[in-house]
Amino acid sequence: MVDGAGTRVRRRRTLFFTISVRLAVVGCIFMLVQLLAVMWMYVRNPNELDQLLISAEATRIARAIAAGGADAGLARSADLAQPLAPDTRRAFVVHEKGGAIVARHDDGEVRIEQEAPMSFLVIRTQRETWGDRFLLTGTRRVTVADRPYWVTVAIAGRGFKPFVPVIFDEIRFHVLLPLALLSGLLLLFNFSVVRSTLKPLDETIAAVDRIDPAQIATRITDATPLWEVQALVGSVNRMLDRLQLSVETLREFAGDAAHELRTPLAILMLGIGSLPDGETKTKLTRDAQRMKRLVDQMLDMAQASTVEIAADDRVDLGALARDVSTDLLPLAVARGRSITFVDAGGATIRGHTEALGRALRNVIENALEHTPRGTTVEVVSGPGRCCSVRDHGPGVPARERARIFDRFYRVDRSRNAGAGLGLAIVATIMEAHGGWIEVDDAADGGALMRLRF
């Protein structure tokens, strides 16, 4: 439900939806204005209303007579017994071809002469007015079932109310329905035009979404002649230019820092090595090694943040995990631990070999740090797009698992002499490859870390 509601909210906020709604509102306002204009025209032109009322009444009478004969038709038509217009009195006489009277009806003082109209007469309307009262008389030639009738009607009433039914019928059949159909077609046309107009913008958005964060040299190309889309593409490309410049500056800084920091540290360690053996030399050596590790990790972090993966870069996870495990095996043996490697069908993925090797190396070194002496760190490649590293240490508490990938964070500061950057580097490299890290408890104790791509 939440996802559905969120989708509806996002749809309402789209430019297409906003323009479509506004066009629909404009169409509705246009229809309302047209209706008001028609009503105003009828109010200002009573002669038009007179003709409409006489025509509607004559057509109604002729159809009723043709449906069942003169007397039978009138007798069965309950609607015809009353005038069409409210609060009026009505009289009529119906002639057929030749002048014979088909039907006649008088209403009190409202009476009509029996004289047959001229055969060529089609429309005649006359109005007489006394204050707010009126008397309408008129003749209409109405053909029903190929049979012509001449219907003469007299209607007496007052005010505007008698004309309301014919105004509504006129608006409904001759204004509202055609206007609604026309407005609907116009709205559909506008929707299709808006959608086709916004298509280049949608394509530009899709092109931006397809940009690989690991390929910062990628730019958007657009051939549309629309100035707004070209301006958007230009702005995005200029932003990417600035981003690329920043990344390249950071990469250059990392290289310069490596040259400027590692050389003094190497000289310092050589100087410490020339000191006579003793507790002071041991302490200085340990501190210098810790400083060297910190500098190396900071440089690794800077390089991990700026890693760029080429489109054709491929990494065999099985071969990568085997090589890293082999390289770290002497370190494990020196610490009284061991490393085993199992290739369970590791896949070949698109990635940066050096960066992924650094990430896996940091995970294995972290496992060697926490697994007890005499135990083994197990490295498994696969199945598929995954590598896992398992140790036999105390594991990672559930409350700490979300924080161990933060920079400079250490679970046990008294035990770990590192800077807290190793796993942060891993997380950064995995993010650059579109992957993530899972931390779990191993089946019989220890921590299990999975690198998934």
Protein backbone atom coordinates (compact mmCIF):
# COMPACT_ATOMS: atom_id res chain seq x y z
CA MET A 1 0.00 0.00 0.00
CA VAL A 2 2.77 2.40 0.88
CA ASP A 3 4.63 1.64 -2.32
CA GLY A 4 1.46 2.10 -4.36
CA ALA A 5 0.69 5.41 -2.66
CA GLY A 6 4.27 6.54 -3.14
CA THR A 7 4.02 5.66 -6.86
CA ARG A 8 0.82 7.66 -7.19
CA VAL A 9 2.42 10.66 -5.46
CA ARG A 10 5.44 10.50 -7.76
CA ARG A 11 3.10 10.28 -10.78
CA ARG A 12 1.24 13.37 -9.65
CA ARG A 13 4.50 15.26 -9.41
CA THR A 14 5.58 14.52 -12.98
CA LEU A 15 5.69 17.30 -15.54
CA PHE A 16 3.45 15.29 -17.88
CA PHE A 17 0.78 14.88 -15.19
CA THR A 18 0.93 18.56 -14.25
CA ILE A 19 0.58 19.77 -17.84
CA SER A 20 -2.20 17.25 -18.54
CA VAL A 21 -4.19 18.33 -15.50
CA ARG A 22 -3.82 21.98 -16.41
CA LEU A 23 -4.95 21.30 -19.96
CA ALA A 24 -7.96 19.41 -18.62
CA VAL A 25 -8.83 22.31 -16.33
CA VAL A 26 -8.53 24.75 -19.24
CA GLY A 27 -10.80 22.49 -21.31
CA CYS A 28 -13.42 22.40 -18.55
CA ILE A 29 -13.27 26.18 -18.18
CA PHE A 30 -13.67 26.51 -21.95
CA MET A 31 -16.78 24.29 -21.86
CA LEU A 32 -18.25 26.29 -18.99
CA VAL A 33 -17.64 29.57 -20.80
CA GLN A 34 -19.31 28.19 -23.91
CA LEU A 35 -22.35 27.08 -21.92
CA LEU A 36 -22.66 30.46 -20.24
CA ALA A 37 -22.29 32.18 -23.61
CA VAL A 38 -25.10 30.07 -25.10
CA MET A 39 -27.39 30.76 -22.16
CA TRP A 40 -26.64 34.49 -22.35
CA MET A 41 -27.38 34.48 -26.08
CA TYR A 42 -30.78 32.90 -25.51
CA VAL A 43 -31.59 35.28 -22.67
CA ARG A 44 -30.69 38.25 -24.84
CA ASN A 45 -32.59 36.92 -27.87
CA PRO A 46 -36.16 35.92 -26.84
CA ASN A 47 -37.23 35.40 -30.46
CA GLU A 48 -34.83 32.45 -30.69
CA LEU A 49 -36.40 30.99 -27.54
CA ASP A 50 -39.89 31.48 -28.99
CA GLN A 51 -38.98 29.50 -32.08
CA LEU A 52 -37.34 26.73 -30.04
CA LEU A 53 -40.39 26.35 -27.78
CA ILE A 54 -42.90 26.26 -30.68
CA SER A 55 -40.72 23.77 -32.62
CA ALA A 56 -40.26 21.47 -29.62
CA GLU A 57 -44.00 21.44 -28.85
CA ALA A 58 -45.00 20.88 -32.49
CA THR A 59 -42.55 18.00 -32.93
CA ARG A 60 -43.77 16.40 -29.71
CA ILE A 61 -47.42 16.59 -30.79
CA ALA A 62 -46.79 15.26 -34.32
CA ARG A 63 -44.82 12.25 -33.07
CA ALA A 64 -47.54 11.37 -30.54
CA ILE A 65 -50.24 11.48 -33.21
CA ALA A 66 -48.20 9.43 -35.69
CA ALA A 67 -47.54 6.80 -33.04
CA GLY A 68 -51.16 5.76 -32.58
CA GLY A 69 -53.62 7.88 -34.52
CA ALA A 70 -55.23 11.11 -33.51
CA ASP A 71 -57.50 10.19 -30.63
CA ALA A 72 -55.64 7.03 -29.55
CA GLY A 73 -52.29 8.79 -29.65
CA LEU A 74 -53.49 11.66 -27.52
CA ALA A 75 -55.31 9.41 -25.12
CA ARG A 76 -52.34 7.15 -24.49
CA SER A 77 -49.77 9.93 -24.15
CA ALA A 78 -49.81 11.13 -20.57
CA ASP A 79 -46.94 13.52 -21.30
CA LEU A 80 -48.82 15.08 -24.21
CA ALA A 81 -51.80 15.85 -21.99
CA GLN A 82 -49.67 18.53 -20.35
CA PRO A 83 -47.72 21.31 -22.07
CA LEU A 84 -43.98 20.95 -22.49
CA ALA A 85 -43.36 24.32 -20.86
CA PRO A 86 -44.23 24.58 -17.13
CA ASP A 87 -46.81 27.11 -15.88
CA THR A 88 -48.34 27.59 -19.35
CA ARG A 89 -51.56 26.89 -21.19
CA ARG A 90 -51.46 25.36 -24.62
CA ALA A 91 -53.77 24.82 -27.57
CA PHE A 92 -53.01 23.14 -30.88
CA VAL A 93 -54.55 21.96 -34.11
CA VAL A 94 -52.96 19.44 -36.48
CA HIS A 95 -53.68 19.30 -40.21
CA GLU A 96 -52.57 16.72 -42.67
CA LYS A 97 -51.91 17.17 -46.37
CA GLY A 98 -55.08 18.40 -48.03
CA GLY A 99 -56.20 20.45 -45.01
CA ALA A 100 -58.05 17.79 -42.99
CA ILE A 101 -57.83 18.22 -39.23
CA VAL A 102 -56.12 15.27 -37.57
CA ALA A 103 -56.31 16.47 -33.97
CA ARG A 104 -57.29 19.52 -32.01
CA HIS A 105 -56.94 20.62 -28.39
CA ASP A 106 -58.08 23.87 -26.70
CA ASP A 107 -57.14 25.00 -23.21
CA GLY A 108 -59.74 27.38 -21.80
CA GLU A 109 -59.30 30.79 -23.29
CA VAL A 110 -56.41 29.68 -25.47
CA ARG A 111 -57.94 28.61 -28.77
CA ILE A 112 -56.73 28.28 -32.34
CA GLU A 113 -58.57 28.85 -35.61
CA GLN A 114 -59.24 25.75 -37.65
CA GLU A 115 -58.07 27.30 -40.93
CA ALA A 116 -55.45 25.13 -42.56
CA PRO A 117 -52.08 26.74 -43.25
CA MET A 118 -50.70 27.13 -46.71
CA SER A 119 -49.12 23.89 -47.92
CA PHE A 120 -45.70 25.50 -48.51
CA LEU A 121 -45.51 26.95 -44.98
CA VAL A 122 -42.73 25.36 -42.96
CA ILE A 123 -42.04 27.78 -40.10
CA ARG A 124 -44.07 30.66 -38.70
CA THR A 125 -43.79 32.21 -35.23
CA GLN A 126 -45.58 35.19 -33.71
CA ARG A 127 -45.30 36.73 -30.24
CA GLU A 128 -47.67 39.04 -28.35
CA THR A 129 -46.67 40.56 -25.00
CA TRP A 130 -48.60 42.19 -22.11
CA GLY A 131 -46.23 43.13 -19.31
CA ASP A 132 -44.52 39.89 -18.27
CA ARG A 133 -47.19 37.77 -19.98
CA PHE A 134 -46.86 36.47 -23.50
CA LEU A 135 -48.78 34.56 -26.15
CA LEU A 136 -46.88 32.57 -28.73
CA THR A 137 -48.48 31.23 -31.87
CA GLY A 138 -46.72 29.35 -34.59
CA THR A 139 -46.96 26.66 -37.22
CA ARG A 140 -44.46 23.97 -38.03
CA ARG A 141 -44.37 21.40 -40.78
CA VAL A 142 -43.26 18.14 -39.18
CA THR A 143 -42.63 14.95 -41.17
CA VAL A 144 -43.01 11.71 -39.24
CA ALA A 145 -42.64 8.33 -41.01
CA ASP A 146 -42.64 10.10 -44.41
CA ARG A 147 -45.99 11.71 -43.58
CA PRO A 148 -46.18 15.52 -43.30
CA TYR A 149 -48.17 17.26 -40.58
CA TRP A 150 -48.83 20.96 -40.09
CA VAL A 151 -48.99 21.65 -36.37
CA THR A 152 -50.23 25.04 -35.21
CA VAL A 153 -49.57 25.75 -31.53
CA ALA A 154 -50.58 28.56 -29.17
CA ILE A 155 -48.80 28.87 -25.83
CA ALA A 156 -49.71 31.39 -23.11
CA GLY A 157 -47.51 32.02 -20.08
CA ARG A 158 -45.40 34.53 -18.22
CA GLY A 159 -41.76 35.19 -17.36
CA PHE A 160 -38.72 33.14 -18.30
CA LYS A 161 -39.52 29.84 -16.60
CA PRO A 162 -41.49 28.31 -19.52
CA PHE A 163 -38.37 28.44 -21.69
CA VAL A 164 -36.09 26.58 -19.25
CA PRO A 165 -36.84 23.04 -20.60
CA VAL A 166 -36.07 23.97 -24.20
CA ILE A 167 -32.90 25.78 -23.15
CA PHE A 168 -31.71 22.69 -21.31
CA ASP A 169 -32.61 20.43 -24.26
CA GLU A 170 -30.85 22.76 -26.67
CA ILE A 171 -27.75 22.89 -24.49
CA ARG A 172 -27.76 19.15 -23.89
CA PHE A 173 -28.22 18.00 -27.49
CA HIS A 174 -26.74 20.82 -29.55
CA VAL A 175 -24.09 22.31 -27.27
CA LEU A 176 -23.01 20.03 -24.43
CA LEU A 177 -22.63 16.73 -26.29
CA PRO A 178 -20.77 18.14 -29.32
CA LEU A 179 -18.66 20.36 -27.10
CA ALA A 180 -17.84 17.48 -24.73
CA LEU A 181 -16.85 15.27 -27.67
CA LEU A 182 -14.75 18.02 -29.20
CA SER A 183 -13.12 18.86 -25.87
CA GLY A 184 -12.38 15.18 -25.22
CA LEU A 185 -10.73 14.78 -28.61
CA LEU A 186 -8.81 18.00 -28.05
CA LEU A 187 -7.58 16.80 -24.64
CA LEU A 188 -6.48 13.46 -26.09
CA PHE A 189 -4.65 15.31 -28.82
CA ASN A 190 -3.03 17.61 -26.26
CA PHE A 191 -1.98 14.62 -24.11
CA SER A 192 -0.33 12.93 -27.09
CA VAL A 193 1.41 16.18 -28.06
CA VAL A 194 2.64 16.73 -24.49
CA ARG A 195 3.89 13.15 -24.25
CA SER A 196 5.74 13.35 -27.56
CA THR A 197 7.14 16.77 -26.61
CA LEU A 198 8.43 15.47 -23.28
CA LYS A 199 9.91 12.32 -24.82
CA PRO A 200 13.35 13.93 -25.38
CA LEU A 201 13.35 14.94 -21.72
CA ASP A 202 12.53 11.37 -20.65
CA GLU A 203 15.33 10.08 -22.90
CA THR A 204 17.74 12.56 -21.33
CA ILE A 205 16.75 11.42 -17.83
CA ALA A 206 17.28 7.80 -18.86
CA ALA A 207 20.70 8.71 -20.29
CA VAL A 208 21.68 10.37 -17.00
CA ASP A 209 20.53 7.29 -15.06
CA ARG A 210 22.67 5.06 -17.29
CA ILE A 211 25.87 6.92 -16.44
CA ASP A 212 28.22 4.56 -14.62
CA PRO A 213 29.68 6.19 -11.49
CA ALA A 214 32.90 4.34 -12.23
CA GLN A 215 33.20 6.05 -15.65
CA ILE A 216 33.26 9.74 -14.88
CA ALA A 217 34.42 10.61 -18.40
CA THR A 218 31.02 9.65 -19.84
CA ARG A 219 28.96 12.51 -21.30
CA ILE A 220 25.37 12.79 -22.49
CA THR A 221 24.75 13.25 -26.21
CA ASP A 222 21.44 14.68 -27.43
CA ALA A 223 20.31 15.43 -30.97
CA THR A 224 16.97 17.06 -30.14
CA PRO A 225 16.42 20.60 -31.45
CA LEU A 226 14.56 21.61 -28.29
CA TRP A 227 16.48 24.39 -26.56
CA GLU A 228 15.31 23.43 -23.06
CA VAL A 229 16.55 19.85 -23.42
CA GLN A 230 19.83 21.04 -24.93
CA ALA A 231 20.26 23.44 -22.00
CA LEU A 232 19.62 20.60 -19.54
CA VAL A 233 22.10 18.31 -21.30
CA GLY A 234 24.67 21.10 -21.36
CA SER A 235 24.22 21.78 -17.64
CA VAL A 236 24.57 18.09 -16.75
CA ASN A 237 27.69 17.73 -18.92
CA ARG A 238 29.25 20.82 -17.35
CA MET A 239 28.51 19.39 -13.92
CA LEU A 240 30.18 16.12 -14.98
CA ASP A 241 33.18 18.12 -16.19
CA ARG A 242 33.52 19.74 -12.78
CA LEU A 243 33.07 16.38 -11.08
CA GLN A 244 35.73 14.79 -13.25
CA LEU A 245 38.10 17.65 -12.51
CA SER A 246 37.52 17.20 -8.77
CA VAL A 247 38.11 13.46 -8.97
CA GLU A 248 41.27 13.90 -11.02
CA THR A 249 42.51 16.52 -8.56
CA LEU A 250 41.88 14.11 -5.70
CA ARG A 251 43.66 11.33 -7.56
CA GLU A 252 46.64 13.58 -8.20
CA PHE A 253 46.67 14.56 -4.55
CA ALA A 254 46.74 10.90 -3.56
CA GLY A 255 49.73 10.28 -5.82
CA ASP A 256 51.56 13.36 -4.55
CA ALA A 257 50.82 12.41 -0.94
CA ALA A 258 52.21 8.92 -1.57
CA HIS A 259 55.44 10.42 -2.81
CA GLU A 260 55.67 13.06 -0.07
CA LEU A 261 54.73 10.83 2.89
CA ARG A 262 56.22 7.46 2.08
CA THR A 263 59.73 8.78 1.44
CA PRO A 264 60.11 10.49 4.86
CA LEU A 265 58.65 7.41 6.53
CA ALA A 266 61.16 5.16 4.76
CA ILE A 267 64.01 7.43 5.87
CA LEU A 268 62.62 7.42 9.42
CA MET A 269 62.46 3.63 9.51
CA LEU A 270 66.02 3.38 8.20
CA GLY A 271 67.15 5.73 10.94
CA ILE A 272 65.35 3.68 13.58
CA GLY A 273 66.93 0.51 12.20
CA SER A 274 70.40 1.98 12.80
CA LEU A 275 69.70 2.47 16.50
CA PRO A 276 71.11 -0.02 19.00
CA ASP A 277 68.78 -2.82 19.99
CA GLY A 278 66.63 -2.17 23.01
CA GLU A 279 63.18 -1.28 24.28
CA THR A 280 63.33 2.21 22.75
CA LYS A 281 64.14 0.86 19.30
CA THR A 282 61.34 -1.71 19.55
CA LYS A 283 58.78 0.93 20.55
CA LEU A 284 59.89 3.34 17.80
CA THR A 285 59.79 0.57 15.20
CA ARG A 286 56.26 -0.39 16.24
CA ASP A 287 55.09 3.24 16.10
CA ALA A 288 56.70 3.81 12.70
CA GLN A 289 55.08 0.68 11.28
CA ARG A 290 51.72 1.81 12.65
CA MET A 291 52.22 5.22 11.04
CA LYS A 292 53.18 3.61 7.74
CA ARG A 293 50.05 1.44 7.83
CA LEU A 294 47.89 4.49 8.57
CA VAL A 295 49.40 6.40 5.63
CA ASP A 296 48.96 3.39 3.33
CA GLN A 297 45.30 3.02 4.36
CA MET A 298 44.60 6.72 3.92
CA LEU A 299 46.08 6.57 0.43
CA ASP A 300 44.09 3.42 -0.30
CA MET A 301 40.92 5.22 0.83
CA ALA A 302 41.65 8.18 -1.46
CA GLN A 303 42.31 5.86 -4.39
CA ALA A 304 39.21 3.76 -3.61
CA SER A 305 37.06 6.90 -3.70
CA THR A 306 38.34 7.75 -7.18
CA VAL A 307 38.48 4.29 -8.75
CA GLU A 308 37.42 4.30 -12.40
CA ILE A 309 36.29 1.07 -14.06
CA ALA A 310 36.69 0.80 -17.82
CA ALA A 311 33.89 -0.76 -19.84
CA ASP A 312 36.08 -3.74 -20.84
CA ASP A 313 37.69 -4.36 -17.42
CA ARG A 314 37.06 -7.97 -16.34
CA VAL A 315 37.97 -9.75 -13.11
CA ASP A 316 37.91 -13.52 -12.51
CA LEU A 317 36.79 -13.76 -8.88
CA GLY A 318 38.23 -17.27 -8.52
CA ALA A 319 41.69 -16.29 -9.77
CA LEU A 320 41.63 -13.06 -7.76
CA ALA A 321 40.75 -14.79 -4.48
CA ARG A 322 43.38 -17.50 -5.07
CA ASP A 323 46.13 -14.94 -5.76
CA VAL A 324 45.28 -12.78 -2.73
CA SER A 325 45.10 -15.85 -0.46
CA THR A 326 48.47 -17.05 -1.72
CA ASP A 327 50.06 -13.63 -1.19
CA LEU A 328 48.80 -13.40 2.41
CA LEU A 329 49.64 -16.99 3.38
CA PRO A 330 53.18 -16.13 4.62
CA LEU A 331 51.73 -13.38 6.81
CA ALA A 332 49.20 -15.84 8.25
CA VAL A 333 51.89 -18.44 8.96
CA ALA A 334 54.07 -15.81 10.65
CA ARG A 335 51.16 -15.05 12.99
CA GLY A 336 50.45 -18.70 13.73
CA ARG A 337 47.35 -18.87 11.53
CA SER A 338 46.54 -20.48 8.20
CA ILE A 339 44.52 -19.66 5.08
CA THR A 340 42.55 -22.13 2.95
CA PHE A 341 41.03 -21.33 -0.44
CA VAL A 342 38.11 -23.04 -2.19
CA ASP A 343 36.92 -22.15 -5.70
CA ALA A 344 33.17 -22.83 -5.68
CA GLY A 345 32.59 -21.42 -9.15
CA GLY A 346 33.42 -17.76 -8.89
CA ALA A 347 32.12 -15.70 -11.79
CA THR A 348 33.93 -13.27 -14.05
CA ILE A 349 32.65 -9.74 -13.47
CA ARG A 350 33.29 -6.23 -14.73
CA GLY A 351 35.63 -4.60 -12.25
CA HIS A 352 38.96 -3.06 -11.34
CA THR A 353 41.41 -5.86 -10.55
CA GLU A 354 43.72 -3.86 -8.27
CA ALA A 355 40.85 -2.26 -6.32
CA LEU A 356 39.00 -5.57 -5.79
CA GLY A 357 42.26 -7.23 -4.76
CA ARG A 358 42.79 -4.49 -2.17
CA ALA A 359 39.24 -4.96 -0.86
CA LEU A 360 39.59 -8.74 -0.51
CA ARG A 361 43.06 -8.34 1.05
CA ASN A 362 41.64 -6.00 3.72
CA VAL A 363 38.86 -8.46 4.57
CA ILE A 364 41.32 -11.36 4.90
CA GLU A 365 43.74 -9.27 6.98
CA ASN A 366 40.84 -8.29 9.24
CA ALA A 367 39.98 -11.99 9.65
CA LEU A 368 43.62 -12.84 10.45
CA GLU A 369 43.57 -10.12 13.09
CA HIS A 370 40.57 -11.62 14.91
CA THR A 371 40.92 -15.37 14.42
CA PRO A 372 42.83 -17.13 17.29
CA ARG A 373 46.28 -18.65 16.82
CA GLY A 374 46.15 -22.17 15.45
CA THR A 375 42.92 -21.57 13.48
CA THR A 376 42.26 -21.09 9.80
CA VAL A 377 40.76 -18.28 7.74
CA GLU A 378 38.59 -19.82 5.02
CA VAL A 379 38.32 -17.99 1.68
CA VAL A 380 35.67 -19.17 -0.81
CA SER A 381 35.12 -17.82 -4.33
CA GLY A 382 31.56 -18.30 -5.54
CA PRO A 383 29.20 -19.68 -6.27
CA GLY A 384 28.53 -16.98 -8.84
CA ARG A 385 29.21 -13.29 -8.19
CA CYS A 386 30.32 -13.68 -4.57
CA CYS A 387 33.42 -14.10 -2.38
CA SER A 388 33.28 -15.02 1.30
CA VAL A 389 35.83 -14.91 4.14
CA ARG A 390 35.25 -16.75 7.39
CA ASP A 391 37.27 -16.63 10.64
CA HIS A 392 36.97 -18.41 14.01
CA GLY A 393 37.09 -15.32 16.21
CA PRO A 394 34.43 -13.84 18.50
CA GLY A 395 32.33 -12.57 15.58
CA VAL A 396 30.78 -9.13 15.16
CA PRO A 397 27.98 -8.12 17.55
CA ALA A 398 24.72 -7.40 15.71
CA ARG A 399 24.60 -3.84 17.05
CA GLU A 400 28.06 -3.11 15.61
CA ARG A 401 27.59 -4.53 12.10
CA ALA A 402 26.24 -1.33 10.61
CA ARG A 403 29.13 0.75 12.01
CA ILE A 404 32.20 -1.37 11.29
CA PHE A 405 32.34 0.09 7.76
CA ASP A 406 32.50 3.67 9.05
CA ARG A 407 35.85 5.40 8.74
CA PHE A 408 38.09 5.26 11.83
CA TYR A 409 35.60 3.06 13.72
CA ARG A 410 36.97 0.11 15.73
CA VAL A 411 34.90 -2.38 17.75
CA ASP A 412 37.66 -3.17 20.27
CA ARG A 413 40.20 -0.33 20.46
CA SER A 414 42.25 -2.07 23.16
CA ARG A 415 42.84 -5.10 20.95
CA ASN A 416 43.03 -3.62 17.45
CA ALA A 417 45.92 -1.25 16.80
CA GLY A 418 44.66 -0.36 13.32
CA ALA A 419 43.25 2.99 12.26
CA GLY A 420 39.76 1.70 11.50
CA LEU A 421 40.00 2.29 7.75
CA GLY A 422 40.35 -1.24 6.37
CA LEU A 423 36.66 -2.16 6.15
CA ALA A 424 35.72 1.41 5.17
CA ILE A 425 38.00 1.00 2.15
CA VAL A 426 36.27 -2.31 1.35
CA ALA A 427 32.82 -0.67 1.51
CA THR A 428 33.94 2.18 -0.76
CA ILE A 429 35.38 -0.18 -3.38
CA MET A 430 32.30 -2.41 -3.31
CA GLU A 431 30.03 0.60 -3.76
CA ALA A 432 32.06 1.69 -6.78
CA HIS A 433 31.43 -1.77 -8.27
CA GLY A 434 27.70 -1.71 -7.49
CA GLY A 435 28.14 -4.36 -4.80
CA TRP A 436 27.77 -4.63 -1.05
CA ILE A 437 29.09 -6.52 2.01
CA GLU A 438 27.13 -8.87 4.22
CA VAL A 439 28.25 -9.63 7.79
CA ASP A 440 26.87 -12.71 9.52
CA ASP A 441 27.72 -15.29 12.18
CA ALA A 442 29.41 -18.47 10.97
CA ALA A 443 27.70 -21.79 11.66
CA ASP A 444 30.06 -22.90 14.46
CA GLY A 445 31.32 -19.52 15.60
CA GLY A 446 33.27 -16.67 14.11
CA ALA A 447 32.43 -14.00 11.57
CA LEU A 448 31.40 -14.61 7.97
CA MET A 449 31.78 -11.73 5.49
CA ARG A 450 30.40 -11.98 1.94
CA LEU A 451 31.36 -9.65 -0.89
CA ARG A 452 28.45 -9.69 -3.33
CA PHE A 453 28.45 -8.15 -6.81
